[in-house]
């Protein structure tokens, strides 16, 4: 499955009725902040104890083998709605630790290896670009990215860039 997760509404046509591509506009969902209770690891393993729309989204993140994350960049990181969703996807990980290239990372719960593209948009200076690239590189292990790329675009170029990336999936 392929997943498009966006922090803003996009004027693109995606048929969500198929199991091939899922498009989720996070601004249309009610997603609360993670409370850090770790109930998803101890009380209800693999399921967040907060019952909101995030529990519908993180299974798609786990199952997808191709990801397209679309986020405005704020202070070198994901903007609020995307960051909140990514933090709430911790149930796809187990509380156990594994060594990857000499570093400790979480063991995944039945999570597909992913080819990820992150489209970062906004007025992004070179310092913010560097910080964001490092953030994505550090997160790649825990997000189970087999490969990834980060594309920086201006907001006016965003939808065209999304269409171009999605068209690559059809080839």
Protein backbone atom coordinates (compact mmCIF):
# COMPACT_ATOMS: atom_id res chain seq x y z
CA UNK A 1 0.00 0.00 0.00
CA UNK A 2 1.06 3.58 -0.65
CA UNK A 3 0.25 6.39 1.76
CA UNK A 4 0.08 10.15 1.31
CA UNK A 5 0.02 11.89 4.68
CA UNK A 6 -0.37 15.66 4.45
CA UNK A 7 -0.55 18.51 6.92
CA UNK A 8 -2.77 20.49 4.56
CA UNK A 9 -5.55 19.88 2.07
CA UNK A 10 -4.30 19.19 -1.44
CA UNK A 11 -6.12 19.75 -4.69
CA UNK A 12 -5.17 16.36 -6.16
CA UNK A 13 -7.35 13.50 -7.29
CA UNK A 14 -6.64 10.27 -5.44
CA UNK A 15 -9.09 7.40 -5.38
CA UNK A 16 -9.17 6.42 -1.69
CA UNK A 17 -11.58 3.56 -2.40
CA UNK A 18 -8.77 1.32 -3.64
CA UNK A 19 -6.33 -0.39 -1.33
CA UNK A 20 -3.45 0.84 -3.48
CA UNK A 21 -3.17 4.49 -2.38
CA UNK A 22 -4.51 6.16 0.74
CA UNK A 23 -4.54 9.96 1.00
CA UNK A 24 -5.03 11.42 4.47
CA UNK A 25 -5.41 15.14 5.13
CA UNK A 26 -4.46 15.44 8.79
CA UNK A 27 -6.18 18.82 9.13
CA UNK A 28 -9.55 17.07 8.80
CA UNK A 29 -8.88 14.78 11.77
CA UNK A 30 -9.06 15.11 15.53
CA UNK A 31 -5.62 14.07 16.77
CA UNK A 32 -4.66 14.72 20.37
CA UNK A 33 -1.12 15.06 21.65
CA UNK A 34 0.65 11.98 22.95
CA UNK A 35 0.60 12.03 26.76
CA UNK A 36 3.69 9.85 27.09
CA UNK A 37 1.84 7.27 29.17
CA UNK A 38 3.30 4.34 27.19
CA UNK A 39 -0.04 2.54 27.50
CA UNK A 40 0.45 1.48 23.87
CA UNK A 41 3.42 -0.56 25.07
CA UNK A 42 2.19 -1.79 28.46
CA UNK A 43 -1.61 -1.65 28.94
CA UNK A 44 -2.86 -2.18 25.39
CA UNK A 45 0.19 -3.30 23.33
CA UNK A 46 0.07 -1.86 19.81
CA UNK A 47 -3.00 0.30 20.50
CA UNK A 48 -3.03 3.85 21.77
CA UNK A 49 -5.22 4.40 24.83
CA UNK A 50 -6.36 7.79 23.43
CA UNK A 51 -9.42 7.10 21.31
CA UNK A 52 -9.32 9.71 18.55
CA UNK A 53 -8.63 9.73 14.81
CA UNK A 54 -4.92 8.86 15.18
CA UNK A 55 -5.85 5.23 15.85
CA UNK A 56 -7.20 5.05 12.29
CA UNK A 57 -4.02 6.53 10.78
CA UNK A 58 -1.05 4.75 12.36
CA UNK A 59 -2.09 1.31 11.02
CA UNK A 60 -1.80 2.79 7.51
CA UNK A 61 1.67 4.08 8.38
CA UNK A 62 2.67 0.59 9.56
CA UNK A 63 1.21 -1.25 6.53
CA UNK A 64 2.44 1.06 3.78
CA UNK A 65 5.56 0.24 1.82
CA UNK A 66 5.66 3.63 0.09
CA UNK A 67 5.16 6.89 1.97
CA UNK A 68 4.74 10.47 0.91
CA UNK A 69 4.83 12.84 3.90
CA UNK A 70 3.94 16.45 3.14
CA UNK A 71 4.72 18.99 5.82
CA UNK A 72 5.45 22.64 6.27
CA UNK A 73 8.82 23.06 7.96
CA UNK A 74 8.85 24.95 11.21
CA UNK A 75 12.11 25.61 13.05
CA UNK A 76 13.82 22.76 11.18
CA UNK A 77 11.15 20.18 12.03
CA UNK A 78 7.73 18.96 10.97
CA UNK A 79 4.90 21.42 11.54
CA UNK A 80 2.53 20.78 14.46
CA UNK A 81 -0.14 18.53 12.93
CA UNK A 82 2.38 16.20 11.24
CA UNK A 83 4.65 16.08 14.29
CA UNK A 84 1.67 15.25 16.51
CA UNK A 85 0.62 12.39 14.21
CA UNK A 86 4.12 10.98 13.95
CA UNK A 87 4.48 11.06 17.73
CA UNK A 88 1.13 9.29 18.07
CA UNK A 89 2.31 6.48 15.78
CA UNK A 90 4.53 5.04 18.53
CA UNK A 91 2.20 2.00 18.91
CA UNK A 92 3.76 0.58 15.72
CA UNK A 93 6.93 0.09 17.75
CA UNK A 94 7.56 -2.28 20.61
CA UNK A 95 9.19 -1.23 23.88
CA UNK A 96 12.13 -3.51 23.08
CA UNK A 97 15.46 -2.23 21.77
CA UNK A 98 17.65 -3.54 18.94
CA UNK A 99 21.10 -2.51 17.76
CA UNK A 100 21.31 -0.92 14.31
CA UNK A 101 24.77 0.20 13.19
CA UNK A 102 25.88 0.35 16.82
CA UNK A 103 22.88 2.46 17.91
CA UNK A 104 19.80 1.48 19.89
CA UNK A 105 16.44 1.61 18.11
CA UNK A 106 12.99 0.21 18.77
CA UNK A 107 11.79 -3.14 17.44
CA UNK A 108 8.91 -2.68 15.00
CA UNK A 109 5.50 -4.41 15.25
CA UNK A 110 4.78 -5.94 11.85
CA UNK A 111 5.84 -2.77 10.04
CA UNK A 112 6.62 -2.89 6.32
CA UNK A 113 9.96 -1.59 5.08
CA UNK A 114 9.30 1.76 3.49
CA UNK A 115 10.42 3.82 0.56
CA UNK A 116 9.75 7.33 1.83
CA UNK A 117 9.58 10.73 0.24
CA UNK A 118 9.20 13.75 2.47
CA UNK A 119 8.12 16.93 0.75
CA UNK A 120 9.05 19.86 2.97
CA UNK A 121 7.48 23.17 1.99
CA UNK A 122 7.57 26.80 2.99
CA UNK A 123 10.20 29.51 3.20
CA UNK A 124 13.03 27.29 4.35
CA UNK A 125 16.50 28.69 4.92
CA UNK A 126 19.66 26.64 4.51
CA UNK A 127 20.02 26.18 8.28
CA UNK A 128 16.50 24.79 8.58
CA UNK A 129 17.12 22.51 5.60
CA UNK A 130 20.21 21.05 7.25
CA UNK A 131 18.43 20.50 10.57
CA UNK A 132 15.46 18.87 8.84
CA UNK A 133 17.65 16.54 6.76
CA UNK A 134 19.39 15.41 9.95
CA UNK A 135 16.04 14.90 11.68
CA UNK A 136 14.75 12.69 8.86
CA UNK A 137 18.02 10.73 8.76
CA UNK A 138 17.82 10.08 12.52
CA UNK A 139 14.14 9.12 12.36
CA UNK A 140 14.61 6.80 9.38
CA UNK A 141 15.70 3.85 11.54
CA UNK A 142 12.73 4.04 13.90
CA UNK A 143 10.31 4.70 11.04
CA UNK A 144 11.58 1.60 9.19
CA UNK A 145 12.66 3.52 6.08
CA UNK A 146 14.56 1.29 3.66
CA UNK A 147 15.25 4.41 1.61
CA UNK A 148 14.14 8.02 1.69
CA UNK A 149 14.49 11.35 -0.01
CA UNK A 150 13.70 14.87 1.16
CA UNK A 151 12.42 17.40 -1.35
CA UNK A 152 12.27 21.10 -0.46
CA UNK A 153 9.72 23.19 -2.36
CA UNK A 154 8.01 26.53 -2.14
CA UNK A 155 4.35 26.36 -1.21
CA UNK A 156 3.25 27.39 -4.70
CA UNK A 157 5.15 24.36 -6.14
CA UNK A 158 3.73 21.88 -3.64
CA UNK A 159 0.77 20.35 -5.47
CA UNK A 160 2.68 19.98 -8.73
CA UNK A 161 5.51 18.24 -6.86
CA UNK A 162 3.03 15.90 -5.15
CA UNK A 163 1.45 15.02 -8.50
CA UNK A 164 4.89 14.36 -9.99
CA UNK A 165 5.88 12.04 -7.11
CA UNK A 166 2.58 10.13 -7.22
CA UNK A 167 2.89 9.71 -11.00
CA UNK A 168 6.18 7.86 -10.38
CA UNK A 169 4.21 5.27 -8.40
CA UNK A 170 2.15 4.41 -11.46
CA UNK A 171 5.23 3.60 -13.55
